């Protein structure tokens, strides 16, 4: 059985694909996230209601954990919907 050959991606194109993004909360020097601030949490939720991961949003690990807890708390008190359909 013949093996399939994979298309190799050069190292220069691989680096271009994954550019490091700057955390928006570190850039603004935000000390704590508030779950009542829906304007800052709304862009971090996808159209289907899922929390956008840090590799896409560019948040650092510290602020990504704070974002997830803030979004979950805002969902529990009905400030944010669990999904857009409901």
N, C-alpha and C. Protein backbone atom coordinates (compact mmCIF):
# COMPACT_ATOMS: atom_id res chain seq x y z
N UNK A 1 0.84 -1.17 0.00
CA UNK A 1 0.00 0.00 0.00
C UNK A 1 0.89 1.24 0.00
N UNK A 2 0.61 2.14 -0.87
CA UNK A 2 1.42 3.34 -1.02
C UNK A 2 1.11 4.33 0.10
N UNK A 3 2.15 4.99 0.57
CA UNK A 3 1.96 6.00 1.60
C UNK A 3 1.63 7.33 0.96
N UNK A 4 0.82 8.08 1.66
CA UNK A 4 0.48 9.42 1.18
C UNK A 4 1.56 10.39 1.64
N UNK A 5 1.96 11.24 0.75
CA UNK A 5 2.95 12.24 1.13
C UNK A 5 2.23 13.49 1.59
N UNK A 6 2.74 14.06 2.63
CA UNK A 6 2.15 15.29 3.17
C UNK A 6 2.85 16.49 2.56
N UNK A 7 2.10 17.53 2.38
CA UNK A 7 2.70 18.77 1.91
C UNK A 7 3.45 19.41 3.07
N UNK A 8 4.72 19.64 2.89
CA UNK A 8 5.51 20.23 3.95
C UNK A 8 5.38 21.74 3.91
N UNK A 9 5.22 22.32 5.08
CA UNK A 9 5.12 23.77 5.21
C UNK A 9 6.46 24.27 5.69
N UNK A 10 6.98 25.26 5.01
CA UNK A 10 8.29 25.78 5.40
C UNK A 10 8.19 26.51 6.74
N UNK A 11 9.32 26.66 7.38
CA UNK A 11 9.34 27.28 8.70
C UNK A 11 8.93 28.75 8.66
N UNK A 12 9.24 29.41 7.58
CA UNK A 12 8.88 30.83 7.49
C UNK A 12 7.37 31.03 7.39
N UNK A 13 6.69 30.16 6.66
CA UNK A 13 5.23 30.30 6.57
C UNK A 13 4.56 29.86 7.86
N UNK A 14 5.16 28.93 8.57
CA UNK A 14 4.60 28.48 9.83
C UNK A 14 4.67 29.60 10.88
N UNK A 15 5.74 30.37 10.87
CA UNK A 15 5.86 31.49 11.80
C UNK A 15 4.87 32.58 11.47
N UNK A 16 4.58 32.77 10.21
CA UNK A 16 3.62 33.79 9.82
C UNK A 16 2.20 33.42 10.23
N UNK A 17 1.92 32.14 10.28
CA UNK A 17 0.57 31.70 10.62
C UNK A 17 0.27 31.97 12.09
N UNK A 18 1.24 31.83 12.96
CA UNK A 18 1.03 31.96 14.38
C UNK A 18 1.78 33.16 14.94
N UNK A 19 1.30 34.33 14.67
CA UNK A 19 1.92 35.51 15.24
C UNK A 19 1.39 35.74 16.64
N UNK A 20 2.23 36.17 17.53
CA UNK A 20 1.85 36.39 18.91
C UNK A 20 0.99 37.63 19.03
N UNK A 21 -0.18 37.47 19.63
CA UNK A 21 -1.06 38.61 19.84
C UNK A 21 -0.83 39.17 21.24
N UNK A 22 -1.15 40.41 21.42
CA UNK A 22 -0.96 41.06 22.71
C UNK A 22 -2.27 40.99 23.48
N UNK A 23 -2.17 40.67 24.75
CA UNK A 23 -3.35 40.59 25.61
C UNK A 23 -3.94 41.99 25.76
N UNK A 24 -5.23 42.12 25.47
CA UNK A 24 -5.86 43.44 25.52
C UNK A 24 -5.99 43.95 26.95
N UNK A 25 -6.05 43.05 27.92
CA UNK A 25 -6.17 43.46 29.31
C UNK A 25 -4.81 43.86 29.89
N UNK A 26 -3.74 43.21 29.44
CA UNK A 26 -2.40 43.61 29.86
C UNK A 26 -2.02 44.95 29.24
N UNK A 27 -2.45 45.18 28.00
CA UNK A 27 -2.14 46.44 27.33
C UNK A 27 -2.85 47.61 28.00
N UNK A 28 -4.08 47.39 28.47
CA UNK A 28 -4.83 48.44 29.16
C UNK A 28 -4.54 48.49 30.64
N UNK A 29 -3.72 47.55 31.13
CA UNK A 29 -3.35 47.43 32.55
C UNK A 29 -4.58 47.32 33.44
N UNK A 30 -5.45 46.38 33.09
CA UNK A 30 -6.66 46.11 33.87
C UNK A 30 -6.27 45.20 35.02
N UNK A 31 -6.61 45.58 36.24
CA UNK A 31 -6.24 44.78 37.40
C UNK A 31 -7.22 43.64 37.64
N UNK A 32 -8.51 43.90 37.45
CA UNK A 32 -9.50 42.84 37.66
C UNK A 32 -10.64 43.01 36.66
N UNK A 33 -11.24 41.88 36.29
CA UNK A 33 -12.36 41.90 35.36
C UNK A 33 -13.66 41.81 36.14
N UNK A 34 -14.63 42.58 35.71
CA UNK A 34 -15.92 42.59 36.37
C UNK A 34 -16.92 41.93 35.43
N UNK A 35 -17.74 41.01 35.96
CA UNK A 35 -18.69 40.33 35.10
C UNK A 35 -19.90 41.20 34.76
N UNK A 36 -20.03 42.37 35.36
CA UNK A 36 -21.09 43.30 34.99
C UNK A 36 -20.72 44.10 33.74
N UNK A 37 -19.44 44.12 33.39
CA UNK A 37 -18.98 44.85 32.21
C UNK A 37 -19.15 43.97 30.97
N UNK A 38 -20.34 44.00 30.40
CA UNK A 38 -20.68 43.11 29.29
C UNK A 38 -20.00 43.56 28.00
N UNK A 39 -19.73 44.85 27.86
CA UNK A 39 -19.11 45.35 26.63
C UNK A 39 -17.72 44.77 26.41
N UNK A 40 -17.00 44.49 27.46
CA UNK A 40 -15.67 43.90 27.30
C UNK A 40 -15.72 42.38 27.16
N UNK A 41 -16.82 41.75 27.61
CA UNK A 41 -16.93 40.30 27.53
C UNK A 41 -17.59 39.82 26.23
N UNK A 42 -18.43 40.64 25.65
CA UNK A 42 -19.18 40.25 24.45
C UNK A 42 -18.28 39.88 23.27
N UNK A 43 -17.18 40.60 22.99
CA UNK A 43 -16.33 40.19 21.86
C UNK A 43 -15.57 38.89 22.09
N UNK A 44 -15.54 38.39 23.31
CA UNK A 44 -14.80 37.17 23.62
C UNK A 44 -15.69 35.93 23.57
N UNK A 45 -16.91 36.09 23.05
CA UNK A 45 -17.84 34.99 22.90
C UNK A 45 -18.13 34.83 21.41
N UNK A 46 -18.15 33.58 20.94
CA UNK A 46 -18.42 33.34 19.53
C UNK A 46 -19.91 33.51 19.23
N UNK A 47 -20.26 33.38 17.97
CA UNK A 47 -21.65 33.52 17.57
C UNK A 47 -22.52 32.41 18.14
N UNK A 48 -21.93 31.28 18.39
CA UNK A 48 -22.68 30.15 18.93
C UNK A 48 -22.72 30.15 20.46
N UNK A 49 -22.05 31.11 21.08
CA UNK A 49 -22.08 31.23 22.53
C UNK A 49 -20.89 30.61 23.23
N UNK A 50 -19.91 30.15 22.48
CA UNK A 50 -18.73 29.54 23.09
C UNK A 50 -17.70 30.61 23.43
N UNK A 51 -16.91 30.33 24.45
CA UNK A 51 -15.84 31.25 24.85
C UNK A 51 -14.67 31.06 23.88
N UNK A 52 -14.19 32.16 23.33
CA UNK A 52 -13.10 32.10 22.35
C UNK A 52 -11.80 31.77 23.09
N UNK A 53 -11.03 30.79 22.60
CA UNK A 53 -9.79 30.41 23.28
C UNK A 53 -8.72 31.49 23.19
N UNK A 54 -7.75 31.38 24.08
CA UNK A 54 -6.72 32.42 24.17
C UNK A 54 -5.80 32.45 22.96
N UNK A 55 -5.64 31.33 22.26
CA UNK A 55 -4.78 31.34 21.08
C UNK A 55 -5.39 32.14 19.95
N UNK A 56 -6.71 32.32 19.97
CA UNK A 56 -7.37 33.14 18.96
C UNK A 56 -7.55 34.57 19.46
N UNK A 57 -7.98 34.72 20.72
CA UNK A 57 -8.23 36.06 21.25
C UNK A 57 -6.94 36.79 21.59
N UNK A 58 -5.87 36.06 21.92
CA UNK A 58 -4.60 36.68 22.25
C UNK A 58 -4.44 37.02 23.72
N UNK A 59 -5.36 36.58 24.56
CA UNK A 59 -5.25 36.87 25.99
C UNK A 59 -4.16 36.01 26.63
N UNK A 60 -3.55 36.55 27.67
CA UNK A 60 -2.58 35.76 28.42
C UNK A 60 -3.35 34.77 29.31
N UNK A 61 -2.66 33.82 29.90
CA UNK A 61 -3.31 32.77 30.67
C UNK A 61 -4.03 33.33 31.89
N UNK A 62 -3.43 34.30 32.54
CA UNK A 62 -4.02 34.89 33.74
C UNK A 62 -5.35 35.56 33.41
N UNK A 63 -5.38 36.36 32.36
CA UNK A 63 -6.60 37.07 32.02
C UNK A 63 -7.62 36.15 31.33
N UNK A 64 -7.16 35.10 30.66
CA UNK A 64 -8.10 34.16 30.05
C UNK A 64 -8.88 33.42 31.12
N UNK A 65 -8.22 33.06 32.22
CA UNK A 65 -8.94 32.42 33.33
C UNK A 65 -9.95 33.37 33.94
N UNK A 66 -9.57 34.63 34.08
CA UNK A 66 -10.49 35.63 34.63
C UNK A 66 -11.67 35.88 33.69
N UNK A 67 -11.41 35.86 32.39
CA UNK A 67 -12.48 36.06 31.40
C UNK A 67 -13.48 34.91 31.47
N UNK A 68 -12.99 33.68 31.55
CA UNK A 68 -13.90 32.54 31.58
C UNK A 68 -14.77 32.55 32.83
N UNK A 69 -14.20 32.87 33.98
CA UNK A 69 -15.03 32.92 35.19
C UNK A 69 -16.01 34.08 35.13
N UNK A 70 -15.61 35.21 34.55
CA UNK A 70 -16.52 36.35 34.44
C UNK A 70 -17.67 36.04 33.48
N UNK A 71 -17.38 35.36 32.38
CA UNK A 71 -18.44 34.99 31.43
C UNK A 71 -19.39 33.99 32.06
N UNK A 72 -18.86 33.02 32.78
CA UNK A 72 -19.71 32.02 33.42
C UNK A 72 -20.59 32.65 34.50
N UNK A 73 -20.05 33.61 35.25
CA UNK A 73 -20.86 34.29 36.26
C UNK A 73 -21.93 35.16 35.61
N UNK A 74 -21.58 35.82 34.52
CA UNK A 74 -22.56 36.66 33.81
C UNK A 74 -23.66 35.81 33.20
N UNK A 75 -23.35 34.60 32.78
CA UNK A 75 -24.37 33.70 32.26
C UNK A 75 -25.31 33.24 33.36
N UNK A 76 -24.77 32.99 34.54
CA UNK A 76 -25.60 32.49 35.64
C UNK A 76 -26.61 33.52 36.11
N UNK A 77 -26.27 34.80 36.06
CA UNK A 77 -27.22 35.82 36.49
C UNK A 77 -27.93 36.47 35.30
N UNK A 78 -27.85 35.81 34.14
CA UNK A 78 -28.60 36.16 32.93
C UNK A 78 -28.21 37.50 32.33
N UNK A 79 -26.96 37.91 32.47
CA UNK A 79 -26.48 39.09 31.77
C UNK A 79 -26.04 38.73 30.35
N UNK A 80 -25.53 37.52 30.20
CA UNK A 80 -25.14 37.00 28.89
C UNK A 80 -25.92 35.72 28.62
N UNK A 81 -26.31 35.49 27.37
CA UNK A 81 -27.03 34.25 27.06
C UNK A 81 -26.06 33.07 26.97
N UNK A 82 -26.58 31.87 27.24
CA UNK A 82 -25.76 30.68 27.07
C UNK A 82 -25.52 30.41 25.59
N UNK A 83 -26.52 30.70 24.77
CA UNK A 83 -26.37 30.63 23.32
C UNK A 83 -27.26 31.69 22.70
N UNK A 84 -27.00 32.03 21.46
CA UNK A 84 -27.76 33.10 20.81
C UNK A 84 -29.17 32.67 20.47
N UNK A 85 -29.42 31.36 20.35
CA UNK A 85 -30.74 30.87 19.97
C UNK A 85 -31.75 31.00 21.10
N UNK A 86 -31.27 31.03 22.34
CA UNK A 86 -32.21 31.07 23.48
C UNK A 86 -32.31 32.45 24.05
